[in-house]
Amino acid sequence: MTISLPLVLVLGVIAWAGVKFLGVRMWVVVVIALFGFYLSQTFLAPAIDTGTRTGVDVFNGTTNE
């Protein structure tokens, strides 16, 4: 079974759960989000993209071995 959800929705739910249940401050969520946008414009972006795609493939069981 494949479910397609926008990444923004998934991250929003995780952020909401962190604020609601873990007591994470809203400013920490904002700082982490802004840091993510900043990091996406650096030389580390291709490595992050590859690592994320590999992680999703492993989770979904679609690795090419």
Protein backbone atom coordinates (compact mmCIF):
# COMPACT_ATOMS: atom_id res chain seq x y z
CA MET A 1 0.00 0.00 0.00
CA THR A 2 1.43 3.35 -1.04
CA ILE A 3 0.35 6.61 0.57
CA SER A 4 1.39 9.96 -0.87
CA LEU A 5 1.55 12.81 1.62
CA PRO A 6 3.15 16.20 1.11
CA LEU A 7 6.34 16.55 3.13
CA VAL A 8 5.08 19.84 4.54
CA LEU A 9 2.04 18.08 6.01
CA VAL A 10 4.17 15.37 7.62
CA LEU A 11 6.61 17.90 9.08
CA GLY A 12 3.72 20.04 10.29
CA VAL A 13 2.20 17.11 12.16
CA ILE A 14 5.58 16.25 13.71
CA ALA A 15 6.10 19.88 14.75
CA TRP A 16 2.58 20.08 16.21
CA ALA A 17 3.14 16.84 18.17
CA GLY A 18 6.47 18.13 19.45
CA VAL A 19 4.91 21.35 20.68
CA LYS A 20 1.81 19.66 22.10
CA PHE A 21 3.26 16.56 23.76
CA LEU A 22 6.98 17.19 24.27
CA GLY A 23 6.83 20.81 25.35
CA VAL A 24 9.06 22.05 22.53
CA ARG A 25 8.89 25.82 22.26
CA MET A 26 7.47 27.28 19.06
CA TRP A 27 10.58 29.39 18.47
CA VAL A 28 12.69 26.19 18.41
CA VAL A 29 10.46 24.79 15.67
CA VAL A 30 10.84 28.01 13.67
CA VAL A 31 14.63 28.06 14.10
CA ILE A 32 14.94 24.43 12.98
CA ALA A 33 12.77 25.11 9.91
CA LEU A 34 14.78 28.19 8.96
CA PHE A 35 18.05 26.32 9.46
CA GLY A 36 16.76 23.60 7.12
CA PHE A 37 16.06 26.16 4.40
CA TYR A 38 19.53 27.66 4.92
CA LEU A 39 21.18 24.23 4.81
CA SER A 40 19.42 23.35 1.55
CA GLN A 41 21.37 26.11 -0.20
CA THR A 42 24.82 24.80 0.84
CA PHE A 43 27.16 22.20 -0.62
CA LEU A 44 25.61 19.62 1.76
CA ALA A 45 22.26 19.64 -0.07
CA PRO A 46 23.11 16.78 -2.51
CA ALA A 47 24.31 14.57 0.35
CA ILE A 48 21.15 15.30 2.36
CA ASP A 49 18.98 14.56 -0.68
CA THR A 50 20.76 11.27 -1.39
CA GLY A 51 20.60 10.23 2.26
CA THR A 52 16.91 11.06 2.48
CA ARG A 53 16.08 9.14 -0.69
CA THR A 54 18.11 6.13 0.50
CA GLY A 55 16.35 6.22 3.86
CA VAL A 56 12.94 6.29 2.20
CA ASP A 57 13.91 3.39 -0.07
CA VAL A 58 15.09 1.34 2.91
CA PHE A 59 11.91 2.13 4.82
CA ASN A 60 9.74 1.21 1.84
CA GLY A 61 11.78 -1.90 1.09
CA THR A 62 12.61 -0.82 -2.45
CA THR A 63 16.42 -0.92 -2.28
CA ASN A 64 18.27 -2.03 -5.43
CA GLU A 65 20.34 -4.96 -4.25
